[in-house]
Amino acid sequence: MLEPELLLTAYCRGIFPMAVNARGEIGWFSPDPRAIIPLDERFHVPHGLQRRLKKNPFEFGFDQDFERVMRECAAKRREGTWISEEIVEGYGRLHKLGHAHSVEAWLRGKLVGGLYGVHIGGAFFGESMFHRATDASKVALVALVERLRERGFGLLDTQWVTPHLVQFGTTEIPRREYLRLLRRAIALDCRF
């Protein structure tokens, strides 16, 4: 069982869990290099997405349906998902304690995209995202970055670089540098 204390201790050390097989066995990871999205001016919103945001048909929510966002993220990966039932339950407990959050994109009252992650101090650890409408996960990410900036967060961890995240300015840094940034960020007193 992934207890909140274990998860929080791991994240504070730059380590996170993932289910590594169909049986749901948990592996622990601390990539080197580590991927982050800068929260400063290096965060980049692609031009096409900027146009979409001006017409923004989406409504955003925060923590309105955390478990459903997690389950949608797991479903998008189908077989072999790293989001096992144990992961859903463990992060659900973190959510109840105020350390795990979701950002939802709604369209005409339907959940069409979102993301979830873990929050400790001024660090946010992005875990997964999904979309059922064009650009829904991307606009949820922009909403997340805006919220983190407004509230003084110092770190947005994406764990690894993906083609999807590169367009936003995701960059890789050595684990040593990441751990230094992490220590500073978790010492901040930020509210999600």
Protein backbone atom coordinates (compact mmCIF):
# COMPACT_ATOMS: atom_id res chain seq x y z
CA MET A 1 0.00 0.00 0.00
CA LEU A 2 1.31 3.44 -0.93
CA GLU A 3 0.89 5.38 2.27
CA PRO A 4 0.95 9.19 2.15
CA GLU A 5 4.05 9.45 4.35
CA LEU A 6 6.00 7.14 2.03
CA LEU A 7 4.91 9.05 -1.08
CA LEU A 8 5.69 12.47 0.40
CA THR A 9 9.11 11.33 1.65
CA ALA A 10 9.93 9.90 -1.78
CA TYR A 11 8.88 13.07 -3.63
CA CYS A 12 10.94 15.21 -1.24
CA ARG A 13 13.94 13.09 -2.29
CA GLY A 14 13.20 13.32 -6.01
CA ILE A 15 11.76 9.80 -6.28
CA PHE A 16 8.36 8.75 -7.61
CA PRO A 17 6.52 5.43 -8.08
CA MET A 18 5.08 3.78 -11.18
CA ALA A 19 3.45 0.42 -11.74
CA VAL A 20 5.95 -1.52 -13.83
CA ASN A 21 3.91 -4.49 -15.04
CA ALA A 22 0.36 -5.77 -15.57
CA ARG A 23 0.30 -7.14 -12.00
CA GLY A 24 0.71 -3.58 -10.71
CA GLU A 25 4.08 -4.09 -9.03
CA ILE A 26 5.56 -0.72 -8.05
CA GLY A 27 8.96 0.53 -9.17
CA TRP A 28 10.61 3.71 -7.88
CA PHE A 29 12.32 6.19 -10.22
CA SER A 30 14.59 9.23 -10.06
CA PRO A 31 15.61 10.05 -13.64
CA ASP A 32 18.90 11.69 -14.49
CA PRO A 33 18.51 14.03 -16.25
CA ARG A 34 15.18 15.28 -14.87
CA ALA A 35 12.62 17.22 -16.88
CA ILE A 36 11.04 20.45 -15.67
CA ILE A 37 8.84 23.14 -17.16
CA PRO A 38 10.25 26.55 -16.28
CA LEU A 39 7.72 28.77 -14.53
CA ASP A 40 9.43 31.93 -15.76
CA GLU A 41 9.38 33.52 -19.23
CA ARG A 42 10.87 30.35 -20.73
CA PHE A 43 7.45 28.68 -20.45
CA HIS A 44 6.21 28.76 -24.03
CA VAL A 45 2.63 28.60 -25.28
CA PRO A 46 2.66 27.56 -28.96
CA HIS A 47 1.05 30.07 -31.36
CA GLY A 48 -1.80 27.77 -32.37
CA LEU A 49 -2.65 27.17 -28.73
CA GLN A 50 -2.51 30.92 -28.02
CA ARG A 51 -5.18 31.43 -30.71
CA ARG A 52 -7.23 28.62 -29.19
CA LEU A 53 -6.98 30.19 -25.74
CA LYS A 54 -8.31 33.51 -27.06
CA LYS A 55 -11.48 31.71 -28.20
CA ASN A 56 -11.31 29.45 -25.16
CA PRO A 57 -14.43 27.29 -25.12
CA PHE A 58 -13.21 25.47 -22.00
CA GLU A 59 -14.06 26.03 -18.38
CA PHE A 60 -11.41 25.08 -15.86
CA GLY A 61 -11.75 23.40 -12.53
CA PHE A 62 -9.34 22.48 -9.81
CA ASP A 63 -9.85 19.39 -7.67
CA GLN A 64 -13.46 18.99 -8.81
CA ASP A 65 -13.10 15.33 -9.85
CA PHE A 66 -9.63 14.16 -8.87
CA GLU A 67 -10.24 10.41 -9.04
CA ARG A 68 -11.92 10.63 -12.43
CA VAL A 69 -8.98 12.58 -13.84
CA MET A 70 -6.63 9.86 -12.57
CA ARG A 71 -8.78 7.12 -14.07
CA GLU A 72 -8.98 8.95 -17.42
CA CYS A 73 -5.18 9.26 -17.42
CA ALA A 74 -4.89 5.53 -16.70
CA ALA A 75 -7.44 4.66 -19.42
CA LYS A 76 -5.59 6.59 -22.09
CA ARG A 77 -2.62 4.30 -21.67
CA ARG A 78 -4.75 1.13 -21.89
CA GLU A 79 -2.80 -2.06 -21.27
CA GLY A 80 0.36 -1.80 -19.24
CA THR A 81 -0.55 1.51 -17.65
CA TRP A 82 1.78 2.72 -14.95
CA ILE A 83 -1.28 4.01 -13.08
CA SER A 84 -2.35 0.88 -11.24
CA GLU A 85 -5.20 0.59 -8.76
CA GLU A 86 -2.65 0.92 -5.94
CA ILE A 87 -1.43 4.19 -7.49
CA VAL A 88 -5.03 5.50 -7.78
CA GLU A 89 -5.73 4.63 -4.15
CA GLY A 90 -2.44 6.06 -2.84
CA TYR A 91 -2.82 9.34 -4.68
CA GLY A 92 -6.46 9.49 -3.64
CA ARG A 93 -5.27 9.47 -0.03
CA LEU A 94 -2.75 12.22 -0.86
CA HIS A 95 -5.58 14.22 -2.44
CA LYS A 96 -7.69 13.96 0.72
CA LEU A 97 -4.70 15.32 2.67
CA GLY A 98 -4.30 18.26 0.26
CA HIS A 99 -1.10 17.04 -1.43
CA ALA A 100 -2.47 15.80 -4.77
CA HIS A 101 -4.49 17.93 -7.16
CA SER A 102 -6.23 17.85 -10.49
CA VAL A 103 -6.78 20.49 -13.13
CA GLU A 104 -9.83 19.83 -15.28
CA ALA A 105 -10.90 21.17 -18.66
CA TRP A 106 -14.67 21.08 -19.11
CA LEU A 107 -16.60 21.59 -22.35
CA ARG A 108 -20.37 22.04 -22.17
CA GLY A 109 -20.42 20.41 -18.76
CA LYS A 110 -18.33 17.38 -19.75
CA LEU A 111 -14.84 16.57 -18.50
CA VAL A 112 -12.75 16.52 -21.69
CA GLY A 113 -9.20 16.88 -20.42
CA GLY A 114 -7.01 17.38 -17.44
CA LEU A 115 -3.97 16.49 -15.45
CA TYR A 116 -3.01 15.60 -11.93
CA GLY A 117 0.05 15.82 -9.74
CA VAL A 118 1.51 16.15 -6.28
CA HIS A 119 2.15 19.38 -4.39
CA ILE A 120 4.67 19.86 -1.59
CA GLY A 121 5.58 23.41 -0.54
CA GLY A 122 6.33 25.31 -3.74
CA ALA A 123 6.91 22.21 -5.88
CA PHE A 124 4.35 20.62 -8.19
CA PHE A 125 5.10 17.19 -9.61
CA GLY A 126 3.08 16.62 -12.78
CA GLU A 127 2.09 12.98 -13.08
CA SER A 128 -0.14 12.48 -16.10
CA MET A 129 -2.59 14.20 -18.42
CA PHE A 130 -5.38 13.18 -20.79
CA HIS A 131 -7.65 14.70 -23.41
CA ARG A 132 -10.91 13.76 -25.08
CA ALA A 133 -11.17 17.04 -27.00
CA THR A 134 -8.52 18.78 -29.08
CA ASP A 135 -6.07 20.78 -26.94
CA ALA A 136 -7.92 20.03 -23.68
CA SER A 137 -4.85 18.70 -21.85
CA LYS A 138 -2.73 21.54 -23.22
CA VAL A 139 -5.08 24.25 -21.96
CA ALA A 140 -5.21 22.46 -18.59
CA LEU A 141 -1.41 22.66 -18.47
CA VAL A 142 -1.52 26.40 -19.24
CA ALA A 143 -4.10 26.84 -16.45
CA LEU A 144 -1.81 24.92 -14.09
CA VAL A 145 1.22 27.08 -14.93
CA GLU A 146 -0.82 30.26 -14.43
CA ARG A 147 -1.97 29.03 -11.02
CA LEU A 148 1.53 28.01 -9.95
CA ARG A 149 2.92 31.40 -11.01
CA GLU A 150 0.15 33.31 -9.19
CA ARG A 151 0.84 31.39 -6.01
CA GLY A 152 4.63 31.67 -6.02
CA PHE A 153 5.60 28.08 -6.83
CA GLY A 154 9.24 27.47 -7.66
CA LEU A 155 9.22 24.13 -9.49
CA LEU A 156 7.09 22.25 -12.02
CA ASP A 157 8.54 18.74 -12.39
CA THR A 158 7.49 16.66 -15.42
CA GLN A 159 9.87 13.76 -14.67
CA TRP A 160 10.80 13.04 -18.30
CA VAL A 161 10.71 15.00 -21.55
CA THR A 162 7.95 13.97 -23.95
CA PRO A 163 7.30 15.31 -27.46
CA HIS A 164 4.03 16.74 -26.13
CA LEU A 165 5.81 18.75 -23.40
CA VAL A 166 8.77 19.98 -25.47
CA GLN A 167 6.57 22.58 -27.16
CA PHE A 168 6.03 24.28 -23.77
CA GLY A 169 9.74 24.73 -23.06
CA THR A 170 10.29 21.57 -21.05
CA THR A 171 13.97 21.17 -20.38
CA GLU A 172 16.23 18.55 -18.84
CA ILE A 173 18.59 19.29 -16.01
CA PRO A 174 21.07 17.03 -14.17
CA ARG A 175 19.66 15.29 -11.10
CA ARG A 176 22.11 17.20 -8.87
CA GLU A 177 20.70 20.53 -10.07
CA TYR A 178 17.15 19.20 -9.84
CA LEU A 179 17.64 18.17 -6.20
CA ARG A 180 18.98 21.65 -5.40
CA LEU A 181 15.89 23.27 -7.01
CA LEU A 182 13.66 20.75 -5.25
CA ARG A 183 15.04 21.56 -1.79
CA ARG A 184 14.44 25.27 -2.38
CA ALA A 185 10.94 24.73 -3.76
CA ILE A 186 9.64 22.43 -1.03
CA ALA A 187 10.80 24.94 1.59
CA LEU A 188 8.35 27.51 0.16
CA ASP A 189 4.95 27.92 1.79
CA CYS A 190 2.61 27.78 -1.21
CA ARG A 191 -1.08 26.90 -1.38
CA PHE A 192 -2.41 25.19 -4.46
